[in-house]
């Protein structure tokens, strides 16, 4: 059986049952074009720190010595110092997400690699990072003119 080609329609398509009823004065298409949701009902998101605010913490690590100072690993070379972010979820670390910039410690590249990819236990790495952060935080606060919150 031979098929015929496409031809222009001679009669228009009929509207389906989705068409607004004659008694309904609101047209769903105007709601769709106007956004449908009032701006006042949307919740505002918490403000995330900007790149400039976070880079202050990274800048504070420059010119410092290695605070991680892992025995047998540390290079003690000031030219290789990088900001080492925390790997703990309590500091905002997640799968594919780096911890907040305020949780950084200056460390040499060897210590940084040890903390991120080393074969030591997670508890040992967390203990090394926490001890380094405890020593670094007051120095960073002084350097950045920040006030430390003292626990009573």
Protein backbone atom coordinates (compact mmCIF):
# COMPACT_ATOMS: atom_id res chain seq x y z
CA UNK A 1 0.00 0.00 0.00
CA UNK A 2 1.41 3.35 -1.00
CA UNK A 3 1.49 6.21 1.49
CA UNK A 4 0.57 9.75 0.66
CA UNK A 5 2.86 12.65 1.51
CA UNK A 6 2.31 15.28 4.17
CA UNK A 7 -0.34 17.83 3.31
CA UNK A 8 -1.42 21.00 5.03
CA UNK A 9 -4.50 20.64 7.25
CA UNK A 10 -7.78 21.64 5.80
CA UNK A 11 -9.55 21.82 9.18
CA UNK A 12 -8.02 23.18 12.39
CA UNK A 13 -7.40 20.90 15.35
CA UNK A 14 -10.08 20.80 18.01
CA UNK A 15 -9.22 21.97 21.51
CA UNK A 16 -8.84 19.25 24.11
CA UNK A 17 -10.54 18.95 27.49
CA UNK A 18 -7.75 20.91 29.17
CA UNK A 19 -9.17 24.20 27.93
CA UNK A 20 -10.36 26.57 30.66
CA UNK A 21 -14.04 26.32 31.41
CA UNK A 22 -16.22 29.26 30.35
CA UNK A 23 -17.07 30.00 34.01
CA UNK A 24 -13.40 30.20 35.03
CA UNK A 25 -12.22 33.78 34.63
CA UNK A 26 -8.57 33.02 35.42
CA UNK A 27 -6.49 31.76 32.55
CA UNK A 28 -3.78 29.26 33.54
CA UNK A 29 -1.53 30.57 30.77
CA UNK A 30 -1.24 34.04 32.36
CA UNK A 31 -0.14 32.43 35.64
CA UNK A 32 2.47 30.44 33.77
CA UNK A 33 3.88 33.53 32.05
CA UNK A 34 3.85 35.61 35.24
CA UNK A 35 5.91 33.07 37.13
CA UNK A 36 3.01 31.46 38.94
CA UNK A 37 4.65 31.91 42.35
CA UNK A 38 4.62 35.12 44.28
CA UNK A 39 8.06 36.41 45.22
CA UNK A 40 6.98 36.92 48.81
CA UNK A 41 6.38 33.19 49.29
CA UNK A 42 9.92 32.26 48.30
CA UNK A 43 12.31 31.77 51.20
CA UNK A 44 15.57 33.66 51.06
CA UNK A 45 18.69 31.53 51.10
CA UNK A 46 21.41 32.12 53.67
CA UNK A 47 24.14 34.36 52.34
CA UNK A 48 27.22 32.41 51.31
CA UNK A 49 30.64 34.00 51.72
CA UNK A 50 31.98 35.62 48.59
CA UNK A 51 35.26 34.66 46.96
CA UNK A 52 36.89 37.83 48.31
CA UNK A 53 35.87 37.01 51.90
CA UNK A 54 37.20 33.45 51.61
CA UNK A 55 40.43 34.49 49.93
CA UNK A 56 41.42 36.50 53.03
CA UNK A 57 41.81 33.25 54.94
CA UNK A 58 43.88 31.72 52.14
CA UNK A 59 46.04 34.85 51.92
CA UNK A 60 46.80 34.63 55.64
CA UNK A 61 48.57 31.29 55.04
CA UNK A 62 51.18 32.87 52.73
CA UNK A 63 54.66 33.29 54.13
CA UNK A 64 54.01 31.03 57.14
CA UNK A 65 55.80 27.86 58.19
CA UNK A 66 54.24 24.37 58.06
CA UNK A 67 51.83 24.01 60.99
CA UNK A 68 50.96 20.38 60.20
CA UNK A 69 54.60 19.32 60.73
CA UNK A 70 54.00 15.56 60.29
CA UNK A 71 57.03 13.66 61.65
CA UNK A 72 59.05 12.04 58.84
CA UNK A 73 56.98 13.73 56.12
CA UNK A 74 57.39 17.51 56.53
CA UNK A 75 59.70 19.30 54.07
CA UNK A 76 60.09 22.42 56.24
CA UNK A 77 60.42 24.41 53.01
CA UNK A 78 58.56 27.75 53.15
CA UNK A 79 58.34 27.94 49.34
CA UNK A 80 55.96 24.93 49.26
CA UNK A 81 53.42 26.24 51.82
CA UNK A 82 49.78 25.91 50.74
CA UNK A 83 46.48 26.36 52.62
CA UNK A 84 45.34 22.88 53.75
CA UNK A 85 41.55 22.60 54.14
CA UNK A 86 39.98 20.39 56.79
CA UNK A 87 38.70 16.96 55.72
CA UNK A 88 36.12 16.78 58.50
CA UNK A 89 32.40 16.92 57.81
CA UNK A 90 31.84 19.15 60.84
CA UNK A 91 33.76 21.86 58.95
CA UNK A 92 31.58 21.58 55.83
CA UNK A 93 33.57 18.93 53.92
CA UNK A 94 31.47 16.63 51.78
CA UNK A 95 31.66 14.49 48.67
CA UNK A 96 33.06 16.85 46.03
CA UNK A 97 32.78 19.81 48.42
CA UNK A 98 35.75 21.47 50.05
CA UNK A 99 35.54 22.70 53.65
CA UNK A 100 35.03 26.41 54.26
CA UNK A 101 38.11 28.61 53.78
CA UNK A 102 38.10 29.60 57.43
CA UNK A 103 39.12 26.01 58.25
CA UNK A 104 42.55 26.12 56.62
CA UNK A 105 46.01 25.60 58.06
CA UNK A 106 49.32 26.44 56.36
CA UNK A 107 51.18 23.26 55.46
CA UNK A 108 53.94 22.16 53.11
CA UNK A 109 52.93 20.18 50.04
CA UNK A 110 54.19 16.88 51.51
CA UNK A 111 52.14 17.26 54.71
CA UNK A 112 49.14 18.36 52.64
CA UNK A 113 49.40 15.23 50.48
CA UNK A 114 49.77 13.11 53.64
CA UNK A 115 46.60 14.60 55.17
CA UNK A 116 44.61 14.18 51.94
CA UNK A 117 45.92 10.90 50.49
CA UNK A 118 48.16 9.34 53.16
CA UNK A 119 47.73 5.78 54.40
CA UNK A 120 47.38 6.72 58.08
CA UNK A 121 44.10 6.30 59.92
CA UNK A 122 41.46 8.96 59.67
CA UNK A 123 41.62 9.57 63.44
CA UNK A 124 45.37 10.25 63.28
CA UNK A 125 44.97 12.66 60.35
CA UNK A 126 42.14 14.48 62.13
CA UNK A 127 44.24 14.72 65.31
CA UNK A 128 47.20 16.18 63.38
CA UNK A 129 44.98 18.70 61.59
CA UNK A 130 43.12 19.69 64.78
CA UNK A 131 46.38 20.25 66.69
CA UNK A 132 47.72 22.38 63.82
CA UNK A 133 44.50 24.41 63.67
CA UNK A 134 44.60 25.00 67.42
CA UNK A 135 48.12 26.46 67.09
CA UNK A 136 47.28 28.42 63.89
CA UNK A 137 43.95 30.00 64.90
CA UNK A 138 45.28 32.63 67.37
CA UNK A 139 48.10 33.59 64.99
CA UNK A 140 45.67 33.91 62.08
CA UNK A 141 43.31 35.99 64.24
CA UNK A 142 46.13 38.36 65.14
CA UNK A 143 47.25 38.53 61.50
CA UNK A 144 43.73 39.25 60.20
CA UNK A 145 42.67 41.45 63.14
CA UNK A 146 39.92 39.01 64.12
CA UNK A 147 38.56 38.47 67.61
CA UNK A 148 38.59 34.90 68.91
CA UNK A 149 35.51 33.63 70.66
CA UNK A 150 36.73 32.45 74.02
CA UNK A 151 34.90 29.56 75.65
CA UNK A 152 34.06 30.22 79.30
